[in-house]
Amino acid sequence: MVYIYVLVICCCCTNYHKGVLGDRINEVYIETFLNDTINVDIKDTYKGYTNLTPFGLVPPVSENIIILEFACFGGCILLTQNADLTGTELYEVCFAFYGDLIIMWKISDGESVELARKAVPNLLSCSEMTVVWVTWDSGVITFGTGNPESNGVLSAIDDRPFNIQGVGVASITLGVWKFIIKANPTGYYCRMSYTYATGYLISITTQKTRAYCAIECQKSNDCLGFNFRYEGILNCELVEGGQLVIKDEHYEWHFYSKCLQDNDGCVSCNV
């Protein structure tokens, strides 16, 4: 049986300093927007989702965890037969704050079939975190809250199941997702020119070249990337992982995001 764990919170990331704890780059935060697939062909449903596979989140590895933090309106999880979210077979599980509604669909060969739905009082909360999980095993799709070892809230049976190779996420409104991976950085960085990344910093130093700044970032398992400018002092800022990084245009600075899976999974460039 394969598990996806999701943690839901009602508001955006709390503004507090977490400190450097080690291996912060294993905690990935991404931001997703409205799942706008209503007006597209059903076979293009996957286009409304952010693919998590480039970050190393492969469904058959049961240790992978997804944690979701957003403004309590809800989200959707897409389970697909291909790692790039394409294919003719997929499951879509959506949960919403308004109406406390959970709905499961299967899309097969361009046709959508509702597998199950249920209204659950107090499904999500705007005052405390809620753990939400999805499992699939031999055609049984289960959605639950709290401890994944407990009974699910809603289950559906598909008598023609398929192997799941991809996971995508989308929000009913603006959402912030957090999930745990096993990062494997090998020195690749994705550059975002004239961009400054705002977030908690590990250090601020003066470096002669961006290569020296990159080396400093590579030494730390807490470093998600770095801001660098070519002129002036204090021109190298190491950005801490385990947070949602806000990016702004800036004519002096360039942001380099560490690629977390070889030369892929570069958080700020992929999403």
Protein backbone atom coordinates (compact mmCIF):
# COMPACT_ATOMS: atom_id res chain seq x y z
CA MET A 1 0.00 0.00 0.00
CA VAL A 2 1.28 3.46 -0.89
CA TYR A 3 0.60 6.52 1.25
CA ILE A 4 0.53 10.24 0.53
CA TYR A 5 0.27 12.37 3.63
CA VAL A 6 -1.02 15.93 3.41
CA LEU A 7 -1.03 18.54 6.14
CA VAL A 8 -3.45 21.41 5.75
CA ILE A 9 -3.37 24.74 7.54
CA CYS A 10 -5.69 27.65 7.03
CA CYS A 11 -3.25 30.48 6.48
CA CYS A 12 -0.08 31.31 4.61
CA CYS A 13 3.31 30.45 6.10
CA THR A 14 3.67 31.82 9.60
CA ASN A 15 6.30 34.52 9.83
CA TYR A 16 8.67 33.18 12.45
CA HIS A 17 12.34 32.20 12.42
CA LYS A 18 12.80 28.44 12.46
CA GLY A 19 16.55 28.33 12.73
CA VAL A 20 19.03 26.09 10.94
CA LEU A 21 18.22 22.51 11.89
CA GLY A 22 20.04 20.51 9.21
CA ASP A 23 18.78 18.99 5.94
CA ARG A 24 16.27 21.80 5.42
CA ILE A 25 16.45 21.26 1.65
CA ASN A 26 14.53 18.02 2.20
CA GLU A 27 11.54 20.17 3.16
CA VAL A 28 10.17 21.52 -0.12
CA TYR A 29 7.65 24.35 -0.29
CA ILE A 30 5.87 25.17 -3.53
CA GLU A 31 3.05 27.53 -4.36
CA THR A 32 0.14 26.53 -6.59
CA PHE A 33 -2.75 28.51 -7.96
CA LEU A 34 -6.36 27.89 -8.96
CA ASN A 35 -6.95 24.49 -10.54
CA ASP A 36 -8.35 26.00 -13.73
CA THR A 37 -9.29 22.88 -15.69
CA ILE A 38 -13.01 23.53 -16.06
CA ASN A 39 -12.67 25.02 -19.52
CA VAL A 40 -10.14 22.56 -20.95
CA ASP A 41 -10.61 19.22 -22.62
CA ILE A 42 -10.81 16.45 -20.02
CA LYS A 43 -7.74 14.74 -21.49
CA ASP A 44 -5.77 17.88 -20.58
CA THR A 45 -6.74 17.78 -16.90
CA TYR A 46 -3.09 17.29 -15.92
CA LYS A 47 -2.23 20.77 -17.24
CA GLY A 48 -3.88 22.31 -14.18
CA TYR A 49 -1.48 20.51 -11.84
CA THR A 50 2.07 21.00 -10.62
CA ASN A 51 4.11 17.84 -11.11
CA LEU A 52 5.97 16.63 -8.01
CA THR A 53 7.99 13.93 -9.78
CA PRO A 54 10.94 16.25 -10.64
CA PHE A 55 11.48 16.70 -6.91
CA GLY A 56 12.01 12.99 -6.42
CA LEU A 57 8.53 12.24 -5.12
CA VAL A 58 7.89 8.85 -6.74
CA PRO A 59 4.67 7.16 -5.53
CA PRO A 60 6.07 3.62 -5.09
CA VAL A 61 8.39 4.94 -2.37
CA SER A 62 6.05 4.89 0.62
CA GLU A 63 8.25 7.12 2.79
CA ASN A 64 7.41 10.17 0.73
CA ILE A 65 5.27 12.74 2.52
CA ILE A 66 3.23 15.64 1.20
CA ILE A 67 2.31 18.43 3.61
CA LEU A 68 -0.06 21.15 2.43
CA GLU A 69 -0.44 24.61 3.97
CA PHE A 70 -2.96 27.05 2.53
CA ALA A 71 -5.88 29.31 3.35
CA CYS A 72 -8.29 26.50 4.26
CA PHE A 73 -10.25 26.40 0.99
CA GLY A 74 -8.99 23.05 -0.26
CA GLY A 75 -6.92 21.33 -2.91
CA CYS A 76 -6.69 18.42 -5.32
CA ILE A 77 -4.27 15.51 -5.70
CA LEU A 78 -3.78 13.88 -9.10
CA LEU A 79 -2.54 10.28 -9.36
CA THR A 80 -1.44 9.30 -12.87
CA GLN A 81 -0.03 6.37 -14.81
CA ASN A 82 2.93 8.40 -16.12
CA ALA A 83 5.56 10.36 -14.22
CA ASP A 84 4.93 13.47 -16.36
CA LEU A 85 1.21 13.38 -15.39
CA THR A 86 0.09 12.51 -18.93
CA GLY A 87 -1.72 9.34 -19.92
CA THR A 88 -5.22 8.06 -20.46
CA GLU A 89 -5.76 6.86 -16.88
CA LEU A 90 -5.78 9.01 -13.74
CA TYR A 91 -7.45 9.51 -10.39
CA GLU A 92 -8.40 12.93 -9.06
CA VAL A 93 -9.14 13.47 -5.36
CA CYS A 94 -10.39 16.90 -4.29
CA PHE A 95 -11.31 18.21 -0.85
CA ALA A 96 -12.86 21.57 -0.01
CA PHE A 97 -13.52 23.75 3.02
CA TYR A 98 -16.85 25.08 1.80
CA GLY A 99 -19.37 22.26 2.02
CA ASP A 100 -16.75 20.04 3.69
CA LEU A 101 -16.87 17.98 0.51
CA ILE A 102 -14.60 15.19 -0.73
CA ILE A 103 -14.93 13.94 -4.32
CA MET A 104 -13.04 11.19 -6.17
CA TRP A 105 -13.00 10.82 -9.95
CA LYS A 106 -11.42 8.44 -12.40
CA ILE A 107 -10.61 9.73 -15.87
CA SER A 108 -10.13 7.00 -18.47
CA ASP A 109 -9.76 7.48 -22.23
CA GLY A 110 -11.19 11.00 -22.06
CA GLU A 111 -14.21 10.07 -19.95
CA SER A 112 -14.70 11.18 -16.35
CA VAL A 113 -16.53 8.97 -13.85
CA GLU A 114 -17.26 10.02 -10.28
CA LEU A 115 -16.19 7.21 -7.98
CA ALA A 116 -17.41 8.61 -4.68
CA ARG A 117 -18.32 11.76 -2.80
CA LYS A 118 -19.09 12.62 0.79
CA ALA A 119 -19.72 15.67 2.94
CA VAL A 120 -17.74 15.51 6.18
CA PRO A 121 -18.39 18.11 8.91
CA ASN A 122 -15.32 20.07 9.98
CA LEU A 123 -13.20 18.47 7.29
CA LEU A 124 -10.71 21.35 7.26
CA SER A 125 -9.97 23.99 9.84
CA CYS A 126 -8.81 27.57 9.70
CA SER A 127 -7.51 27.52 13.24
CA GLU A 128 -5.45 24.34 13.38
CA MET A 129 -3.55 21.95 11.16
CA THR A 130 -5.33 19.00 9.59
CA VAL A 131 -3.58 15.87 8.33
CA VAL A 132 -5.15 14.56 5.12
CA TRP A 133 -4.02 11.35 3.43
CA VAL A 134 -4.70 9.29 0.32
CA THR A 135 -3.88 5.60 -0.18
CA TRP A 136 -4.34 3.24 -3.10
CA ASP A 137 -4.11 -0.53 -2.98
CA SER A 138 -5.41 -3.04 -5.55
CA GLY A 139 -8.02 -0.64 -6.88
CA VAL A 140 -9.16 0.69 -3.49
CA ILE A 141 -8.69 4.46 -3.24
CA THR A 142 -9.05 5.84 0.28
CA PHE A 143 -9.09 9.39 1.60
CA GLY A 144 -8.74 10.08 5.32
CA THR A 145 -7.71 12.56 7.96
CA GLY A 146 -5.50 12.21 11.00
CA ASN A 147 -3.48 9.05 11.53
CA PRO A 148 -3.16 7.13 8.20
CA GLU A 149 -3.37 3.88 10.16
CA SER A 150 -6.92 4.78 11.15
CA ASN A 151 -10.03 4.21 9.07
CA GLY A 152 -10.47 6.40 6.02
CA VAL A 153 -13.20 8.98 5.60
CA LEU A 154 -14.09 8.01 2.03
CA SER A 155 -13.21 4.97 -0.09
CA ALA A 156 -13.94 3.92 -3.65
CA ILE A 157 -13.29 0.70 -5.57
CA ASP A 158 -12.03 0.69 -9.15
CA ASP A 159 -12.30 -2.72 -10.77
CA ARG A 160 -9.81 -1.70 -13.46
CA PRO A 161 -6.93 -0.13 -11.51
CA PHE A 162 -3.64 1.02 -13.03
CA ASN A 163 -0.09 1.48 -11.78
CA ILE A 164 0.47 4.96 -10.39
CA GLN A 165 3.73 6.60 -11.39
CA GLY A 166 3.05 10.34 -11.04
CA VAL A 167 1.68 12.76 -8.44
CA GLY A 168 0.42 16.27 -9.10
CA VAL A 169 -1.11 18.92 -6.84
CA ALA A 170 -3.39 21.89 -7.42
CA SER A 171 -5.28 24.37 -5.26
CA ILE A 172 -8.89 25.40 -5.22
CA THR A 173 -7.45 28.83 -4.46
CA LEU A 174 -3.87 29.97 -3.95
CA GLY A 175 -2.11 27.27 -1.95
CA VAL A 176 1.23 26.45 -0.40
CA TRP A 177 2.31 22.80 -0.34
CA LYS A 178 5.09 21.33 1.73
CA PHE A 179 6.42 17.81 1.23
CA ILE A 180 9.42 15.80 2.31
CA ILE A 181 11.92 14.39 -0.17
CA LYS A 182 15.41 12.91 -0.09
CA ALA A 183 17.35 15.66 -1.79
CA ASN A 184 20.32 14.71 -3.98
CA PRO A 185 22.03 17.98 -4.94
CA THR A 186 25.05 17.52 -7.20
CA GLY A 187 26.11 21.12 -7.77
CA TYR A 188 23.57 22.23 -10.39
CA TYR A 189 21.81 25.56 -9.95
CA CYS A 190 18.99 27.25 -11.83
CA ARG A 191 19.53 30.98 -12.40
CA MET A 192 16.76 33.56 -12.24
CA SER A 193 18.22 36.79 -13.58
CA TYR A 194 17.37 40.11 -11.97
CA THR A 195 15.48 38.34 -9.22
CA TYR A 196 15.84 38.63 -5.46
CA ALA A 197 14.59 35.82 -3.22
CA THR A 198 13.13 36.99 0.06
CA GLY A 199 13.20 34.60 3.00
CA TYR A 200 15.19 33.60 6.06
CA LEU A 201 18.92 33.72 5.39
CA ILE A 202 21.65 31.41 6.63
CA SER A 203 24.47 33.91 6.11
CA ILE A 204 25.49 37.10 4.33
CA THR A 205 29.09 37.32 3.12
CA THR A 206 31.27 39.03 0.56
CA GLN A 207 32.43 36.77 -2.29
CA LYS A 208 34.56 37.61 -5.33
CA THR A 209 32.58 35.44 -7.73
CA ARG A 210 29.28 33.61 -7.85
CA ALA A 211 31.24 30.34 -7.92
CA TYR A 212 32.52 31.00 -4.41
CA CYS A 213 29.00 31.81 -3.31
CA ALA A 214 27.73 28.57 -4.86
CA ILE A 215 30.42 26.60 -3.03
CA GLU A 216 29.27 28.07 0.29
CA CYS A 217 25.69 27.06 -0.49
CA GLN A 218 26.73 23.59 -1.59
CA LYS A 219 28.41 22.99 1.76
CA SER A 220 25.12 23.38 3.61
CA ASN A 221 22.22 20.93 3.61
CA ASP A 222 20.09 23.84 4.80
CA CYS A 223 20.82 26.06 1.80
CA LEU A 224 18.10 26.17 -0.86
CA GLY A 225 19.92 28.69 -3.05
CA PHE A 226 21.62 32.05 -2.98
CA ASN A 227 21.17 35.69 -3.96
CA PHE A 228 24.23 37.15 -5.68
CA ARG A 229 25.19 40.54 -7.09
CA TYR A 230 28.36 41.33 -8.95
CA GLU A 231 29.18 44.65 -7.29
CA GLY A 232 29.54 45.83 -3.72
CA ILE A 233 30.19 44.09 -0.45
CA LEU A 234 27.91 41.59 1.31
CA ASN A 235 26.96 40.33 -2.13
CA CYS A 236 26.33 36.65 -1.30
CA GLU A 237 23.22 35.68 0.64
CA LEU A 238 22.48 32.03 1.39
CA VAL A 239 18.73 31.36 1.47
CA GLU A 240 17.48 28.80 3.96
CA GLY A 241 15.35 25.85 2.86
CA GLY A 242 12.21 24.68 4.60
CA GLN A 243 10.26 27.83 3.74
CA LEU A 244 8.26 29.40 0.94
CA VAL A 245 10.60 31.75 -0.90
CA ILE A 246 9.08 34.93 -2.31
CA LYS A 247 10.76 36.20 -5.49
CA ASP A 248 10.82 39.84 -6.57
CA GLU A 249 12.31 41.64 -9.55
CA HIS A 250 15.56 43.45 -8.75
CA TYR A 251 17.98 45.03 -11.20
CA GLU A 252 21.10 44.24 -9.11
CA TRP A 253 20.50 40.74 -7.81
CA HIS A 254 20.30 37.27 -9.34
CA PHE A 255 18.86 34.23 -7.55
CA TYR A 256 20.36 30.75 -7.98
CA SER A 257 18.15 27.86 -6.88
CA LYS A 258 19.84 24.60 -5.93
CA CYS A 259 18.67 21.64 -8.03
CA LEU A 260 17.56 18.96 -5.58
CA GLN A 261 17.55 15.94 -7.89
CA ASP A 262 20.72 15.97 -10.01
CA ASN A 263 20.01 18.79 -12.48
CA ASP A 264 16.25 18.82 -11.85
CA GLY A 265 13.93 19.71 -8.97
CA CYS A 266 15.06 23.33 -8.85
CA VAL A 267 12.29 24.64 -6.61
CA SER A 268 12.09 28.28 -7.62
CA CYS A 269 12.55 27.62 -11.32
CA ASN A 270 10.17 24.66 -11.70
CA VAL A 271 7.15 26.26 -10.07
